[in-house]
Amino acid sequence: MALSFDRADLSAGCVVHIFNRGNDRSTIFKTESDYHWFLTKAKALSLYQQFDVIAYCLMPNHFHYFLRLKTDENISVFFQRLQLAYAKYFNRKYSKSGHVFSGPFRSVALNDFKHFTYLPKYIHLNPVKAKLVERPEDWPFSNFVDLIQERETAGIHFYSDTYGDISEYLRFVHSGEDDTSEDFKAITFE
């Protein structure tokens, strides 16, 4: 079962799905350099020191992060800073003003093993379902390729604990099996 996100209850070891989309579902990543700017800023703000990044995917009009908290640091401060910095960059670059994102990021703490298994797949298949690429390996703005090539060690531990190994996760992603339950939809944009 998914839990509503309660910032006061999060502590080291919790897993959480963070997501947001563009204001009015508008495009927030217009060019490759926009995607790279966002990812670089996330690293500069110490993303990998505060969280194990299990899965992420940036899409033209939204983003997903599936994280395990390493510390009791306030996750909302990190994502507020990231979104604010990106909004300033985006508005300056495209001579715009106002909101870039639909509001504060949305987040859900997870405690259901089934959600643990399906959420990374859901995130990594986003560009395939949106018909941007044919295979998740072809989308450059997620950590899927880093995972299957075992270049991302933080995620590797989650995947080996959950699926046995990365090759099993790869088979699962390509299996076509989805979680269509209502409680799963509550933790995603569905």
N, C-alpha and C. Protein backbone atom coordinates (compact mmCIF):
# COMPACT_ATOMS: atom_id res chain seq x y z
N MET A 1 0.84 -1.18 0.00
CA MET A 1 0.00 0.00 0.00
C MET A 1 0.88 1.23 0.00
N ALA A 2 0.51 2.24 -0.77
CA ALA A 2 1.24 3.50 -0.81
C ALA A 2 0.82 4.35 0.38
N LEU A 3 1.74 5.11 0.87
CA LEU A 3 1.45 6.02 1.96
C LEU A 3 1.48 7.43 1.43
N SER A 4 0.67 8.30 1.98
CA SER A 4 0.79 9.71 1.66
C SER A 4 2.13 10.20 2.19
N PHE A 5 2.70 11.08 1.46
CA PHE A 5 4.01 11.61 1.84
C PHE A 5 3.85 12.50 3.06
N ASP A 6 4.60 12.22 4.09
CA ASP A 6 4.61 13.03 5.30
C ASP A 6 6.06 13.35 5.61
N ARG A 7 6.46 14.58 5.33
CA ARG A 7 7.87 14.96 5.47
C ARG A 7 8.42 14.68 6.87
N ALA A 8 7.59 14.80 7.89
CA ALA A 8 8.08 14.61 9.25
C ALA A 8 8.43 13.15 9.54
N ASP A 9 7.83 12.22 8.83
CA ASP A 9 8.04 10.80 9.11
C ASP A 9 9.16 10.17 8.29
N LEU A 10 9.73 10.89 7.34
CA LEU A 10 10.77 10.31 6.51
C LEU A 10 12.10 10.30 7.24
N SER A 11 12.79 9.19 7.12
CA SER A 11 14.10 9.07 7.73
C SER A 11 14.96 8.18 6.86
N ALA A 12 16.22 8.07 7.21
CA ALA A 12 17.15 7.25 6.44
C ALA A 12 16.56 5.85 6.22
N GLY A 13 16.68 5.36 5.00
CA GLY A 13 16.17 4.04 4.65
C GLY A 13 14.82 4.07 3.96
N CYS A 14 14.05 5.14 4.09
CA CYS A 14 12.75 5.24 3.42
C CYS A 14 12.94 5.30 1.91
N VAL A 15 11.99 4.74 1.18
CA VAL A 15 11.99 4.87 -0.28
C VAL A 15 10.81 5.74 -0.67
N VAL A 16 11.05 6.60 -1.65
CA VAL A 16 10.05 7.60 -2.02
C VAL A 16 10.07 7.84 -3.53
N HIS A 17 8.89 8.05 -4.08
CA HIS A 17 8.73 8.42 -5.48
C HIS A 17 8.48 9.92 -5.52
N ILE A 18 9.34 10.65 -6.22
CA ILE A 18 9.23 12.10 -6.38
C ILE A 18 8.90 12.36 -7.84
N PHE A 19 7.94 13.21 -8.10
CA PHE A 19 7.58 13.52 -9.48
C PHE A 19 6.93 14.88 -9.58
N ASN A 20 7.03 15.47 -10.77
CA ASN A 20 6.35 16.72 -11.07
C ASN A 20 6.29 16.87 -12.58
N ARG A 21 5.39 17.75 -13.00
CA ARG A 21 5.24 18.01 -14.43
C ARG A 21 5.21 19.50 -14.68
N GLY A 22 5.29 19.86 -15.96
CA GLY A 22 5.24 21.25 -16.34
C GLY A 22 3.88 21.87 -16.06
N ASN A 23 3.89 23.16 -15.81
CA ASN A 23 2.66 23.90 -15.60
C ASN A 23 1.75 23.72 -16.83
N ASP A 24 0.50 23.40 -16.59
CA ASP A 24 -0.45 23.12 -17.68
C ASP A 24 0.05 22.00 -18.60
N ARG A 25 0.84 21.09 -18.02
CA ARG A 25 1.42 19.95 -18.76
C ARG A 25 2.32 20.39 -19.92
N SER A 26 2.86 21.59 -19.82
CA SER A 26 3.70 22.11 -20.88
C SER A 26 5.10 21.48 -20.83
N THR A 27 5.81 21.60 -21.92
CA THR A 27 7.16 21.07 -22.04
C THR A 27 8.10 21.83 -21.12
N ILE A 28 8.86 21.10 -20.32
CA ILE A 28 9.85 21.73 -19.44
C ILE A 28 11.29 21.45 -19.87
N PHE A 29 11.47 20.44 -20.72
CA PHE A 29 12.79 20.14 -21.27
C PHE A 29 12.65 20.23 -22.79
N LYS A 30 13.07 21.36 -23.36
CA LYS A 30 12.89 21.59 -24.79
C LYS A 30 14.06 21.11 -25.63
N THR A 31 15.24 21.09 -25.03
CA THR A 31 16.44 20.70 -25.77
C THR A 31 17.26 19.73 -24.91
N GLU A 32 18.20 19.07 -25.55
CA GLU A 32 19.10 18.18 -24.80
C GLU A 32 19.83 18.95 -23.71
N SER A 33 20.19 20.19 -24.00
CA SER A 33 20.92 20.97 -22.99
C SER A 33 20.05 21.23 -21.76
N ASP A 34 18.73 21.31 -21.93
CA ASP A 34 17.84 21.48 -20.77
C ASP A 34 17.88 20.24 -19.87
N TYR A 35 17.80 19.06 -20.47
CA TYR A 35 17.90 17.82 -19.70
C TYR A 35 19.23 17.76 -18.95
N HIS A 36 20.30 18.07 -19.67
CA HIS A 36 21.63 18.00 -19.07
C HIS A 36 21.79 19.02 -17.94
N TRP A 37 21.23 20.22 -18.12
CA TRP A 37 21.31 21.24 -17.08
C TRP A 37 20.64 20.73 -15.80
N PHE A 38 19.45 20.16 -15.91
CA PHE A 38 18.71 19.66 -14.76
C PHE A 38 19.49 18.56 -14.05
N LEU A 39 20.01 17.59 -14.81
CA LEU A 39 20.76 16.48 -14.22
C LEU A 39 22.05 16.96 -13.56
N THR A 40 22.73 17.90 -14.20
CA THR A 40 23.97 18.44 -13.64
C THR A 40 23.69 19.20 -12.35
N LYS A 41 22.61 19.97 -12.34
CA LYS A 41 22.24 20.72 -11.13
C LYS A 41 21.88 19.77 -10.00
N ALA A 42 21.16 18.69 -10.31
CA ALA A 42 20.81 17.71 -9.27
C ALA A 42 22.08 17.15 -8.64
N LYS A 43 23.09 16.84 -9.46
CA LYS A 43 24.36 16.33 -8.91
C LYS A 43 25.07 17.40 -8.11
N ALA A 44 25.05 18.65 -8.59
CA ALA A 44 25.71 19.75 -7.88
C ALA A 44 25.08 20.00 -6.52
N LEU A 45 23.79 19.74 -6.40
CA LEU A 45 23.09 19.92 -5.13
C LEU A 45 23.23 18.70 -4.22
N SER A 46 24.13 17.81 -4.57
CA SER A 46 24.46 16.63 -3.76
C SER A 46 23.39 15.55 -3.77
N LEU A 47 22.72 15.37 -4.88
CA LEU A 47 21.70 14.33 -5.00
C LEU A 47 22.24 12.98 -4.53
N TYR A 48 23.40 12.61 -5.02
CA TYR A 48 23.92 11.27 -4.76
C TYR A 48 24.50 11.11 -3.35
N GLN A 49 24.75 12.22 -2.66
CA GLN A 49 25.20 12.12 -1.28
C GLN A 49 24.02 11.92 -0.33
N GLN A 50 22.86 12.46 -0.67
CA GLN A 50 21.69 12.40 0.21
C GLN A 50 20.78 11.20 -0.07
N PHE A 51 20.81 10.69 -1.30
CA PHE A 51 19.87 9.66 -1.71
C PHE A 51 20.56 8.60 -2.54
N ASP A 52 20.09 7.35 -2.42
CA ASP A 52 20.42 6.33 -3.41
C ASP A 52 19.40 6.50 -4.52
N VAL A 53 19.86 6.79 -5.72
CA VAL A 53 18.95 6.97 -6.84
C VAL A 53 18.67 5.60 -7.43
N ILE A 54 17.48 5.10 -7.20
CA ILE A 54 17.09 3.78 -7.68
C ILE A 54 16.70 3.86 -9.15
N ALA A 55 15.90 4.86 -9.48
CA ALA A 55 15.49 5.07 -10.88
C ALA A 55 15.18 6.54 -11.06
N TYR A 56 15.48 7.03 -12.25
CA TYR A 56 15.00 8.36 -12.61
C TYR A 56 14.75 8.39 -14.10
N CYS A 57 13.89 9.32 -14.50
CA CYS A 57 13.64 9.55 -15.91
C CYS A 57 13.12 10.97 -16.07
N LEU A 58 13.75 11.70 -16.96
CA LEU A 58 13.27 13.03 -17.33
C LEU A 58 12.54 12.89 -18.66
N MET A 59 11.33 13.39 -18.70
CA MET A 59 10.51 13.35 -19.91
C MET A 59 10.30 14.79 -20.38
N PRO A 60 9.84 15.00 -21.61
CA PRO A 60 9.68 16.38 -22.07
C PRO A 60 8.86 17.27 -21.13
N ASN A 61 7.80 16.72 -20.51
CA ASN A 61 6.96 17.58 -19.67
C ASN A 61 6.89 17.16 -18.21
N HIS A 62 7.73 16.21 -17.78
CA HIS A 62 7.72 15.83 -16.37
C HIS A 62 8.99 15.05 -16.01
N PHE A 63 9.14 14.78 -14.71
CA PHE A 63 10.27 13.96 -14.26
C PHE A 63 9.82 13.03 -13.15
N HIS A 64 10.58 11.94 -12.99
CA HIS A 64 10.38 10.96 -11.92
C HIS A 64 11.72 10.66 -11.28
N TYR A 65 11.71 10.55 -9.96
CA TYR A 65 12.85 10.02 -9.21
C TYR A 65 12.31 9.00 -8.23
N PHE A 66 12.96 7.86 -8.14
CA PHE A 66 12.66 6.85 -7.13
C PHE A 66 13.91 6.74 -6.28
N LEU A 67 13.81 7.13 -5.01
CA LEU A 67 14.98 7.31 -4.16
C LEU A 67 14.87 6.53 -2.85
N ARG A 68 16.02 6.15 -2.33
CA ARG A 68 16.12 5.66 -0.95
C ARG A 68 16.92 6.72 -0.20
N LEU A 69 16.36 7.21 0.89
CA LEU A 69 17.02 8.25 1.67
C LEU A 69 18.19 7.67 2.44
N LYS A 70 19.36 8.31 2.32
CA LYS A 70 20.54 7.89 3.05
C LYS A 70 20.62 8.53 4.42
N THR A 71 20.02 9.71 4.53
CA THR A 71 20.12 10.48 5.78
C THR A 71 18.72 10.97 6.16
N ASP A 72 18.64 11.64 7.28
CA ASP A 72 17.38 12.24 7.71
C ASP A 72 17.22 13.66 7.17
N GLU A 73 18.06 14.03 6.20
CA GLU A 73 17.98 15.38 5.62
C GLU A 73 16.60 15.61 5.03
N ASN A 74 16.21 16.86 4.96
CA ASN A 74 14.89 17.23 4.46
C ASN A 74 14.86 17.14 2.94
N ILE A 75 14.14 16.17 2.42
CA ILE A 75 14.06 15.94 0.98
C ILE A 75 13.39 17.11 0.27
N SER A 76 12.46 17.77 0.94
CA SER A 76 11.74 18.86 0.28
C SER A 76 12.67 20.03 -0.02
N VAL A 77 13.64 20.30 0.85
CA VAL A 77 14.58 21.39 0.60
C VAL A 77 15.37 21.12 -0.68
N PHE A 78 15.84 19.89 -0.83
CA PHE A 78 16.60 19.53 -2.03
C PHE A 78 15.78 19.77 -3.30
N PHE A 79 14.55 19.23 -3.36
CA PHE A 79 13.76 19.36 -4.58
C PHE A 79 13.20 20.76 -4.79
N GLN A 80 12.97 21.50 -3.73
CA GLN A 80 12.58 22.90 -3.89
C GLN A 80 13.72 23.68 -4.54
N ARG A 81 14.93 23.46 -4.06
CA ARG A 81 16.10 24.14 -4.64
C ARG A 81 16.29 23.76 -6.10
N LEU A 82 16.17 22.47 -6.38
CA LEU A 82 16.36 22.00 -7.76
C LEU A 82 15.32 22.60 -8.69
N GLN A 83 14.06 22.56 -8.30
CA GLN A 83 13.00 23.11 -9.15
C GLN A 83 13.13 24.62 -9.30
N LEU A 84 13.45 25.33 -8.22
CA LEU A 84 13.61 26.78 -8.30
C LEU A 84 14.76 27.14 -9.23
N ALA A 85 15.90 26.47 -9.06
CA ALA A 85 17.05 26.75 -9.93
C ALA A 85 16.71 26.47 -11.38
N TYR A 86 16.02 25.36 -11.63
CA TYR A 86 15.66 25.04 -13.02
C TYR A 86 14.66 26.05 -13.58
N ALA A 87 13.70 26.47 -12.79
CA ALA A 87 12.71 27.45 -13.25
C ALA A 87 13.40 28.76 -13.63
N LYS A 88 14.37 29.18 -12.82
CA LYS A 88 15.11 30.41 -13.15
C LYS A 88 15.89 30.24 -14.45
N TYR A 89 16.56 29.10 -14.58
CA TYR A 89 17.30 28.81 -15.82
C TYR A 89 16.35 28.81 -17.03
N PHE A 90 15.25 28.08 -16.92
CA PHE A 90 14.30 27.92 -18.01
C PHE A 90 13.70 29.28 -18.41
N ASN A 91 13.23 30.04 -17.43
CA ASN A 91 12.61 31.33 -17.74
C ASN A 91 13.60 32.31 -18.35
N ARG A 92 14.84 32.29 -17.87
CA ARG A 92 15.87 33.16 -18.44
C ARG A 92 16.18 32.73 -19.87
N LYS A 93 16.38 31.43 -20.09
CA LYS A 93 16.74 30.93 -21.42
C LYS A 93 15.66 31.18 -22.45
N TYR A 94 14.39 31.01 -22.06
CA TYR A 94 13.29 31.11 -23.02
C TYR A 94 12.50 32.42 -22.88
N SER A 95 13.08 33.40 -22.18
CA SER A 95 12.46 34.72 -22.00
C SER A 95 11.01 34.59 -21.53
N LYS A 96 10.82 33.80 -20.50
CA LYS A 96 9.49 33.59 -19.94
C LYS A 96 9.47 34.09 -18.50
N SER A 97 8.28 34.10 -17.94
CA SER A 97 8.14 34.40 -16.52
C SER A 97 7.03 33.52 -15.96
N GLY A 98 6.99 33.40 -14.66
CA GLY A 98 5.94 32.61 -14.04
C GLY A 98 6.36 31.19 -13.75
N HIS A 99 5.37 30.37 -13.48
CA HIS A 99 5.61 28.99 -13.06
C HIS A 99 6.06 28.11 -14.22
N VAL A 100 7.06 27.32 -13.97
CA VAL A 100 7.50 26.30 -14.92
C VAL A 100 6.85 24.97 -14.57
N PHE A 101 6.80 24.68 -13.27
CA PHE A 101 6.22 23.42 -12.80
C PHE A 101 4.77 23.64 -12.36
N SER A 102 4.02 22.55 -12.31
CA SER A 102 2.60 22.64 -11.96
C SER A 102 2.38 23.01 -10.50
N GLY A 103 3.41 22.97 -9.71
CA GLY A 103 3.33 23.30 -8.30
C GLY A 103 4.48 22.63 -7.59
N PRO A 104 4.39 22.50 -6.28
CA PRO A 104 5.44 21.78 -5.56
C PRO A 104 5.52 20.34 -6.08
N PHE A 105 6.69 19.76 -6.00
CA PHE A 105 6.84 18.37 -6.43
C PHE A 105 5.87 17.50 -5.64
N ARG A 106 5.47 16.41 -6.23
CA ARG A 106 4.61 15.45 -5.55
C ARG A 106 5.50 14.28 -5.12
N SER A 107 5.10 13.65 -4.04
CA SER A 107 5.92 12.56 -3.53
C SER A 107 5.07 11.58 -2.74
N VAL A 108 5.51 10.33 -2.80
CA VAL A 108 4.82 9.27 -2.08
C VAL A 108 5.88 8.34 -1.49
N ALA A 109 5.80 8.14 -0.18
CA ALA A 109 6.66 7.15 0.47
C ALA A 109 6.03 5.78 0.24
N LEU A 110 6.85 4.78 -0.03
CA LEU A 110 6.35 3.45 -0.37
C LEU A 110 6.69 2.45 0.72
N ASN A 111 5.76 1.51 0.92
CA ASN A 111 6.05 0.42 1.85
C ASN A 111 5.51 -0.92 1.35
N ASP A 112 5.14 -0.98 0.09
CA ASP A 112 4.56 -2.19 -0.50
C ASP A 112 5.58 -2.79 -1.47
N PHE A 113 5.96 -4.04 -1.24
CA PHE A 113 6.98 -4.68 -2.08
C PHE A 113 6.58 -4.68 -3.55
N LYS A 114 5.30 -4.88 -3.85
CA LYS A 114 4.85 -4.89 -5.25
C LYS A 114 5.15 -3.54 -5.91
N HIS A 115 4.95 -2.45 -5.18
CA HIS A 115 5.26 -1.13 -5.74
C HIS A 115 6.75 -0.98 -5.96
N PHE A 116 7.57 -1.52 -5.04
CA PHE A 116 9.02 -1.47 -5.22
C PHE A 116 9.40 -2.12 -6.55
N THR A 117 8.74 -3.23 -6.88
CA THR A 117 9.13 -3.95 -8.08
C THR A 117 8.63 -3.29 -9.36
N TYR A 118 7.45 -2.69 -9.31
CA TYR A 118 6.88 -2.12 -10.53
C TYR A 118 7.27 -0.66 -10.79
N LEU A 119 7.56 0.10 -9.75
CA LEU A 119 7.83 1.53 -9.96
C LEU A 119 9.06 1.79 -10.83
N PRO A 120 10.20 1.13 -10.62
CA PRO A 120 11.33 1.39 -11.53
C PRO A 120 10.99 1.06 -12.98
N LYS A 121 10.27 -0.02 -13.19
CA LYS A 121 9.86 -0.40 -14.55
C LYS A 121 8.96 0.68 -15.15
N TYR A 122 7.99 1.15 -14.37
CA TYR A 122 7.09 2.21 -14.83
C TYR A 122 7.90 3.45 -15.23
N ILE A 123 8.86 3.82 -14.38
CA ILE A 123 9.68 5.00 -14.66
C ILE A 123 10.52 4.80 -15.91
N HIS A 124 11.19 3.67 -16.01
CA HIS A 124 12.08 3.44 -17.16
C HIS A 124 11.33 3.24 -18.47
N LEU A 125 10.08 2.80 -18.41
CA LEU A 125 9.30 2.62 -19.64
C LEU A 125 8.52 3.86 -20.05
N ASN A 126 8.59 4.92 -19.28
CA ASN A 126 7.88 6.16 -19.64
C ASN A 126 8.16 6.62 -21.07
N PRO A 127 9.42 6.71 -21.50
CA PRO A 127 9.67 7.19 -22.87
C PRO A 127 9.18 6.22 -23.95
N VAL A 128 9.11 4.94 -23.62
CA VAL A 128 8.59 3.95 -24.57
C VAL A 128 7.08 4.13 -24.71
N LYS A 129 6.38 4.25 -23.58
CA LYS A 129 4.93 4.43 -23.61
C LYS A 129 4.54 5.74 -24.28
N ALA A 130 5.41 6.75 -24.18
CA ALA A 130 5.16 8.04 -24.83
C ALA A 130 5.57 8.04 -26.30
N LYS A 131 6.06 6.88 -26.76
CA LYS A 131 6.50 6.70 -28.15
C LYS A 131 7.65 7.64 -28.56
N LEU A 132 8.51 7.94 -27.59
CA LEU A 132 9.70 8.73 -27.87
C LEU A 132 10.85 7.85 -28.34
N VAL A 133 10.86 6.60 -27.88
CA VAL A 133 11.85 5.60 -28.27
C VAL A 133 11.16 4.24 -28.31
N GLU A 134 11.81 3.27 -28.91
CA GLU A 134 11.24 1.92 -28.96
C GLU A 134 11.62 1.08 -27.75
N ARG A 135 12.79 1.37 -27.17
CA ARG A 135 13.29 0.60 -26.03
C ARG A 135 13.80 1.56 -24.96
N PRO A 136 13.68 1.22 -23.69
CA PRO A 136 14.18 2.13 -22.65
C PRO A 136 15.69 2.37 -22.76
N GLU A 137 16.42 1.43 -23.34
CA GLU A 137 17.86 1.60 -23.54
C GLU A 137 18.18 2.79 -24.44
N ASP A 138 17.21 3.20 -25.26
CA ASP A 138 17.44 4.26 -26.23
C ASP A 138 17.18 5.67 -25.68
N TRP A 139 16.64 5.77 -24.47
CA TRP A 139 16.34 7.09 -23.90
C TRP A 139 17.53 7.56 -23.07
N PRO A 140 18.15 8.67 -23.45
CA PRO A 140 19.37 9.10 -22.76
C PRO A 140 19.15 9.82 -21.43
N PHE A 141 17.91 10.11 -21.08
CA PHE A 141 17.67 10.93 -19.90
C PHE A 141 17.03 10.15 -18.76
N SER A 142 17.52 8.93 -18.59
CA SER A 142 17.16 8.09 -17.45
C SER A 142 18.43 7.34 -17.03
N ASN A 143 18.33 6.61 -15.94
CA ASN A 143 19.49 5.84 -15.50
C ASN A 143 19.42 4.38 -15.96
N PHE A 144 18.54 4.06 -16.87
CA PHE A 144 18.35 2.67 -17.29
C PHE A 144 19.63 2.06 -17.85
N VAL A 145 20.27 2.73 -18.78
CA VAL A 145 21.49 2.18 -19.40
C VAL A 145 22.59 2.04 -18.35
N ASP A 146 22.74 3.03 -17.48
CA ASP A 146 23.75 2.92 -16.42
C ASP A 146 23.51 1.70 -15.55
N LEU A 147 22.25 1.41 -15.27
CA LEU A 147 21.92 0.25 -14.44
C LEU A 147 22.23 -1.06 -15.15
N ILE A 148 21.76 -1.21 -16.37
CA ILE A 148 21.96 -2.50 -17.03
C ILE A 148 23.43 -2.74 -17.38
N GLN A 149 24.20 -1.67 -17.48
CA GLN A 149 25.64 -1.83 -17.68
C GLN A 149 26.40 -1.81 -16.35
N GLU A 150 25.63 -1.78 -15.25
CA GLU A 150 26.15 -1.83 -13.89
C GLU A 150 27.18 -0.74 -13.61
N ARG A 151 26.90 0.47 -14.13
CA ARG A 151 27.76 1.63 -13.87
C ARG A 151 27.26 2.44 -12.69
N GLU A 152 26.06 2.16 -12.21
CA GLU A 152 25.47 2.94 -11.12
C GLU A 152 25.35 2.05 -9.90
N THR A 153 26.26 2.19 -8.97
CA THR A 153 26.33 1.24 -7.86
C THR A 153 25.21 1.39 -6.84
N ALA A 154 24.70 2.60 -6.60
CA ALA A 154 23.63 2.78 -5.61
C ALA A 154 22.40 1.99 -6.01
N GLY A 155 22.02 2.07 -7.26
CA GLY A 155 20.86 1.35 -7.73
C GLY A 155 21.07 -0.15 -7.81
N ILE A 156 22.29 -0.56 -8.06
CA ILE A 156 22.60 -1.98 -8.21
C ILE A 156 22.15 -2.78 -6.99
N HIS A 157 22.39 -2.25 -5.81
CA HIS A 157 22.02 -2.96 -4.58
C HIS A 157 20.51 -3.17 -4.49
N PHE A 158 19.75 -2.15 -4.81
CA PHE A 158 18.30 -2.28 -4.81
C PHE A 158 17.85 -3.36 -5.80
N TYR A 159 18.41 -3.32 -7.00
CA TYR A 159 18.00 -4.25 -8.05
C TYR A 159 18.41 -5.67 -7.72
N SER A 160 19.59 -5.86 -7.16
CA SER A 160 20.00 -7.23 -6.80
C SER A 160 19.15 -7.76 -5.65
N ASP A 161 18.80 -6.90 -4.69
CA ASP A 161 17.94 -7.32 -3.58
C ASP A 161 16.51 -7.62 -4.05
N THR A 162 16.02 -6.85 -5.00
CA THR A 162 14.62 -6.95 -5.43
C THR A 162 14.41 -7.98 -6.53
N TYR A 163 15.32 -8.04 -7.50
CA TYR A 163 15.11 -8.89 -8.68
C TYR A 163 16.08 -10.06 -8.77
N GLY A 164 17.09 -10.08 -7.95
CA GLY A 164 18.12 -11.12 -8.04
C GLY A 164 19.37 -10.58 -8.69
N ASP A 165 19.22 -9.98 -9.86
CA ASP A 165 20.33 -9.30 -10.52
C ASP A 165 19.76 -8.42 -11.64
N ILE A 166 20.64 -7.66 -12.25
CA ILE A 166 20.21 -6.70 -13.28
C ILE A 166 19.61 -7.41 -14.49
N SER A 167 20.14 -8.56 -14.86
CA SER A 167 19.58 -9.26 -16.03
C SER A 167 18.13 -9.67 -15.79
N GLU A 168 17.79 -10.01 -14.54
CA GLU A 168 16.39 -10.33 -14.22
C GLU A 168 15.51 -9.09 -14.33
N TYR A 169 16.04 -7.95 -13.90
CA TYR A 169 15.28 -6.71 -14.04
C TYR A 169 15.06 -6.39 -15.51
N LEU A 170 16.08 -6.55 -16.32
CA LEU A 170 15.96 -6.29 -17.76
C LEU A 170 14.88 -7.18 -18.37
N ARG A 171 14.85 -8.45 -18.00
CA ARG A 171 13.79 -9.35 -18.50
C ARG A 171 12.41 -8.87 -18.04
N PHE A 172 12.32 -8.44 -16.78
CA PHE A 172 11.06 -7.95 -16.23
C PHE A 172 10.58 -6.72 -16.99
N VAL A 173 11.48 -5.80 -17.28
CA VAL A 173 11.11 -4.58 -18.01
C VAL A 173 10.55 -4.93 -19.38
N HIS A 174 11.17 -5.88 -20.04
CA HIS A 174 10.73 -6.24 -21.39
C HIS A 174 9.61 -7.28 -21.41
N SER A 175 9.12 -7.68 -20.24
CA SER A 175 8.09 -8.73 -20.17
C SER A 175 6.71 -8.26 -20.56
N GLY A 176 6.46 -6.95 -20.50
CA GLY A 176 5.13 -6.45 -20.81
C GLY A 176 4.16 -6.50 -19.65
N GLU A 177 4.57 -7.08 -18.52
CA GLU A 177 3.70 -7.19 -17.35
C GLU A 177 3.65 -5.84 -16.64
N ASP A 178 2.44 -5.35 -16.36
CA ASP A 178 2.26 -4.07 -15.69
C ASP A 178 1.42 -4.22 -14.43
N ASP A 179 1.57 -3.29 -13.53
CA ASP A 179 0.70 -3.19 -12.36
C ASP A 179 -0.35 -2.13 -12.70
N THR A 180 -1.57 -2.53 -12.89
CA THR A 180 -2.64 -1.61 -13.25
C THR A 180 -3.58 -1.35 -12.08
N SER A 181 -3.19 -1.74 -10.89
CA SER A 181 -4.05 -1.57 -9.73
C SER A 181 -4.26 -0.09 -9.42
N GLU A 182 -5.37 0.20 -8.79
CA GLU A 182 -5.70 1.59 -8.43
C GLU A 182 -4.70 2.16 -7.44
N ASP A 183 -4.22 1.35 -6.49
CA ASP A 183 -3.27 1.89 -5.52
C ASP A 183 -1.93 2.19 -6.18
N PHE A 184 -1.55 1.46 -7.24
CA PHE A 184 -0.32 1.79 -7.96
C PHE A 184 -0.51 3.10 -8.73
N LYS A 185 -1.67 3.26 -9.34
CA LYS A 185 -1.93 4.51 -10.08
C LYS A 185 -1.84 5.72 -9.15
N ALA A 186 -2.15 5.54 -7.89
CA ALA A 186 -2.10 6.65 -6.93
C ALA A 186 -0.68 7.13 -6.67
N ILE A 187 0.33 6.31 -6.94
CA ILE A 187 1.70 6.73 -6.69
C ILE A 187 2.40 7.19 -7.97
N THR A 188 1.65 7.29 -9.07
CA THR A 188 2.20 7.72 -10.35
C THR A 188 1.32 8.84 -10.92
N PHE A 189 1.59 9.22 -12.15
CA PHE A 189 0.77 10.22 -12.84
C PHE A 189 -0.45 9.62 -13.52
N GLU A 190 -0.65 8.30 -13.41
CA GLU A 190 -1.75 7.65 -14.12
C GLU A 190 -3.10 8.15 -13.61
